[in-house]
């Protein structure tokens, strides 16, 4: 009789536990990345909105607040936006950190940076 090849029960359980842990971490981080994508899309829409061309920073911040309330953006506010206007071109950048608790006292801290314009 030859030697049998294959996965042992313990080996299969270790792999299954690792897959479950990676899936749980991914499911915990997914909402933070979805929220970041919403922030990024909102900033991009404001920069590309033809009605907001040649407006002031205060008007751009008001536009962000309106869109943020519609899109339920709570992680940042208009005061967190870094708005620059040069030669009629608007650029908006926002940087923020999001702390995502995993379990017990273990958390991930993710730094996000959304830019639009120029």
C-alpha atoms as a PDB file:
ATOM      1  CA  UNK A   1       0.000   0.000   0.000  1.00  0.00           C
ATOM      2  CA  UNK A   2       1.184   3.459  -0.903  1.00  0.00           C
ATOM      3  CA  UNK A   3       1.167   6.522   1.276  1.00  0.00           C
ATOM      4  CA  UNK A   4      -2.124   8.428   1.149  1.00  0.00           C
ATOM      5  CA  UNK A   5      -2.073  12.099   0.167  1.00  0.00           C
ATOM      6  CA  UNK A   6      -4.650  14.695   1.130  1.00  0.00           C
ATOM      7  CA  UNK A   7      -5.671  17.239   3.678  1.00  0.00           C
ATOM      8  CA  UNK A   8      -5.972  16.208   7.286  1.00  0.00           C
ATOM      9  CA  UNK A   9      -8.919  17.218   9.401  1.00  0.00           C
ATOM     10  CA  UNK A  10      -6.760  19.585  11.470  1.00  0.00           C
ATOM     11  CA  UNK A  11      -5.313  21.164   8.345  1.00  0.00           C
ATOM     12  CA  UNK A  12      -8.783  21.688   6.916  1.00  0.00           C
ATOM     13  CA  UNK A  13      -9.996  23.260  10.191  1.00  0.00           C
ATOM     14  CA  UNK A  14      -7.029  25.662  10.301  1.00  0.00           C
ATOM     15  CA  UNK A  15      -7.727  26.782   6.740  1.00  0.00           C
ATOM     16  CA  UNK A  16     -11.451  27.153   7.499  1.00  0.00           C
ATOM     17  CA  UNK A  17     -10.743  29.270  10.609  1.00  0.00           C
ATOM     18  CA  UNK A  18      -8.391  31.521   8.620  1.00  0.00           C
ATOM     19  CA  UNK A  19     -10.966  31.987   5.862  1.00  0.00           C
ATOM     20  CA  UNK A  20     -13.678  32.835   8.405  1.00  0.00           C
ATOM     21  CA  UNK A  21     -11.414  35.362  10.176  1.00  0.00           C
ATOM     22  CA  UNK A  22     -10.508  37.088   6.895  1.00  0.00           C
ATOM     23  CA  UNK A  23     -14.192  37.199   5.928  1.00  0.00           C
ATOM     24  CA  UNK A  24     -15.172  38.708   9.293  1.00  0.00           C
ATOM     25  CA  UNK A  25     -12.482  41.388   9.037  1.00  0.00           C
ATOM     26  CA  UNK A  26     -13.595  42.151   5.489  1.00  0.00           C
ATOM     27  CA  UNK A  27     -17.225  42.451   6.557  1.00  0.00           C
ATOM     28  CA  UNK A  28     -16.237  44.841   9.362  1.00  0.00           C
ATOM     29  CA  UNK A  29     -14.153  47.035   7.025  1.00  0.00           C
ATOM     30  CA  UNK A  30     -16.603  47.078   4.111  1.00  0.00           C
ATOM     31  CA  UNK A  31     -18.927  49.794   5.523  1.00  0.00           C
ATOM     32  CA  UNK A  32     -15.965  52.158   6.106  1.00  0.00           C
ATOM     33  CA  UNK A  33     -14.826  51.748   2.496  1.00  0.00           C
ATOM     34  CA  UNK A  34     -18.378  52.176   1.197  1.00  0.00           C
ATOM     35  CA  UNK A  35     -18.690  55.384   3.215  1.00  0.00           C
ATOM     36  CA  UNK A  36     -15.379  56.608   1.796  1.00  0.00           C
ATOM     37  CA  UNK A  37     -16.614  55.910  -1.727  1.00  0.00           C
ATOM     38  CA  UNK A  38     -19.736  57.961  -0.999  1.00  0.00           C
ATOM     39  CA  UNK A  39     -17.595  60.853   0.285  1.00  0.00           C
ATOM     40  CA  UNK A  40     -15.358  60.650  -2.781  1.00  0.00           C
ATOM     41  CA  UNK A  41     -18.330  60.599  -5.176  1.00  0.00           C
ATOM     42  CA  UNK A  42     -19.951  63.554  -3.409  1.00  0.00           C
ATOM     43  CA  UNK A  43     -16.770  65.636  -3.589  1.00  0.00           C
ATOM     44  CA  UNK A  44     -16.339  64.753  -7.270  1.00  0.00           C
ATOM     45  CA  UNK A  45     -19.951  65.709  -8.057  1.00  0.00           C
ATOM     46  CA  UNK A  46     -19.492  69.079  -6.377  1.00  0.00           C
ATOM     47  CA  UNK A  47     -16.300  69.821  -8.322  1.00  0.00           C
ATOM     48  CA  UNK A  48     -17.911  68.805 -11.633  1.00  0.00           C
ATOM     49  CA  UNK A  49     -21.244  70.578 -11.048  1.00  0.00           C
ATOM     50  CA  UNK A  50     -21.556  73.375 -13.642  1.00  0.00           C
ATOM     51  CA  UNK A  51     -23.886  75.340 -11.351  1.00  0.00           C
ATOM     52  CA  UNK A  52     -21.135  75.598  -8.753  1.00  0.00           C
ATOM     53  CA  UNK A  53     -18.496  77.029 -11.088  1.00  0.00           C
ATOM     54  CA  UNK A  54     -17.224  80.460 -10.024  1.00  0.00           C
ATOM     55  CA  UNK A  55     -18.737  80.219  -6.559  1.00  0.00           C
ATOM     56  CA  UNK A  56     -17.276  80.885  -3.143  1.00  0.00           C
ATOM     57  CA  UNK A  57     -15.904  78.379  -0.669  1.00  0.00           C
ATOM     58  CA  UNK A  58     -18.900  78.987   1.586  1.00  0.00           C
ATOM     59  CA  UNK A  59     -21.307  78.057  -1.228  1.00  0.00           C
ATOM     60  CA  UNK A  60     -19.292  74.919  -1.983  1.00  0.00           C
ATOM     61  CA  UNK A  61     -19.444  73.931   1.689  1.00  0.00           C
ATOM     62  CA  UNK A  62     -23.207  74.481   1.725  1.00  0.00           C
ATOM     63  CA  UNK A  63     -23.508  72.292  -1.363  1.00  0.00           C
ATOM     64  CA  UNK A  64     -21.507  69.590   0.402  1.00  0.00           C
ATOM     65  CA  UNK A  65     -23.717  69.822   3.507  1.00  0.00           C
ATOM     66  CA  UNK A  66     -26.858  69.412   1.367  1.00  0.00           C
ATOM     67  CA  UNK A  67     -25.464  66.402  -0.460  1.00  0.00           C
ATOM     68  CA  UNK A  68     -24.046  64.924   2.751  1.00  0.00           C
ATOM     69  CA  UNK A  69     -27.449  65.029   4.395  1.00  0.00           C
ATOM     70  CA  UNK A  70     -28.992  63.286   1.380  1.00  0.00           C
ATOM     71  CA  UNK A  71     -26.239  60.645   1.184  1.00  0.00           C
ATOM     72  CA  UNK A  72     -26.135  60.240   4.997  1.00  0.00           C
ATOM     73  CA  UNK A  73     -22.460  61.174   5.310  1.00  0.00           C
ATOM     74  CA  UNK A  74     -21.694  61.539   9.010  1.00  0.00           C
ATOM     75  CA  UNK A  75     -17.970  60.825   9.167  1.00  0.00           C
ATOM     76  CA  UNK A  76     -16.993  64.342   8.006  1.00  0.00           C
ATOM     77  CA  UNK A  77     -18.574  67.749   7.688  1.00  0.00           C
ATOM     78  CA  UNK A  78     -18.118  70.740   5.422  1.00  0.00           C
ATOM     79  CA  UNK A  79     -15.567  72.187   7.856  1.00  0.00           C
ATOM     80  CA  UNK A  80     -13.268  69.227   7.088  1.00  0.00           C
ATOM     81  CA  UNK A  81     -13.035  70.083   3.385  1.00  0.00           C
ATOM     82  CA  UNK A  82      -9.852  71.686   2.061  1.00  0.00           C
ATOM     83  CA  UNK A  83     -11.095  73.804  -0.843  1.00  0.00           C
ATOM     84  CA  UNK A  84      -8.803  75.644  -3.240  1.00  0.00           C
ATOM     85  CA  UNK A  85      -9.948  77.843  -6.112  1.00  0.00           C
ATOM     86  CA  UNK A  86      -7.353  78.867  -8.697  1.00  0.00           C
ATOM     87  CA  UNK A  87      -8.156  80.459 -12.056  1.00  0.00           C
ATOM     88  CA  UNK A  88     -11.775  79.369 -11.758  1.00  0.00           C
ATOM     89  CA  UNK A  89     -10.789  75.742 -11.135  1.00  0.00           C
ATOM     90  CA  UNK A  90     -12.091  74.170  -7.942  1.00  0.00           C
ATOM     91  CA  UNK A  91     -10.191  71.464  -6.097  1.00  0.00           C
ATOM     92  CA  UNK A  92     -11.477  69.764  -2.976  1.00  0.00           C
ATOM     93  CA  UNK A  93      -9.515  67.437  -0.720  1.00  0.00           C
ATOM     94  CA  UNK A  94     -10.589  65.763   2.479  1.00  0.00           C
ATOM     95  CA  UNK A  95      -8.519  63.558   4.755  1.00  0.00           C
ATOM     96  CA  UNK A  96      -9.914  61.676   7.702  1.00  0.00           C
ATOM     97  CA  UNK A  97      -9.302  58.606   9.829  1.00  0.00           C
ATOM     98  CA  UNK A  98     -11.887  55.983  10.641  1.00  0.00           C
ATOM     99  CA  UNK A  99     -11.547  53.642  13.609  1.00  0.00           C
ATOM    100  CA  UNK A 100     -13.254  50.303  13.044  1.00  0.00           C
ATOM    101  CA  UNK A 101     -13.620  48.054  16.106  1.00  0.00           C
ATOM    102  CA  UNK A 102     -13.062  44.372  15.378  1.00  0.00           C
ATOM    103  CA  UNK A 103     -13.577  42.622  18.693  1.00  0.00           C
ATOM    104  CA  UNK A 104     -12.670  43.175  22.346  1.00  0.00           C
ATOM    105  CA  UNK A 105      -9.991  45.896  22.377  1.00  0.00           C
ATOM    106  CA  UNK A 106      -8.716  45.339  18.838  1.00  0.00           C
ATOM    107  CA  UNK A 107      -9.494  47.961  16.190  1.00  0.00           C
ATOM    108  CA  UNK A 108      -8.346  49.016  12.747  1.00  0.00           C
ATOM    109  CA  UNK A 109      -7.571  52.662  12.090  1.00  0.00           C
ATOM    110  CA  UNK A 110      -7.886  53.509   8.396  1.00  0.00           C
ATOM    111  CA  UNK A 111      -6.699  56.797   6.866  1.00  0.00           C
ATOM    112  CA  UNK A 112      -8.766  57.994   3.919  1.00  0.00           C
ATOM    113  CA  UNK A 113      -7.906  60.739   1.427  1.00  0.00           C
ATOM    114  CA  UNK A 114     -10.409  61.884  -1.198  1.00  0.00           C
ATOM    115  CA  UNK A 115      -9.396  64.420  -3.862  1.00  0.00           C
ATOM    116  CA  UNK A 116     -11.299  65.937  -6.748  1.00  0.00           C
ATOM    117  CA  UNK A 117     -10.415  68.624  -9.228  1.00  0.00           C
ATOM    118  CA  UNK A 118      -7.264  69.933 -10.880  1.00  0.00           C
END
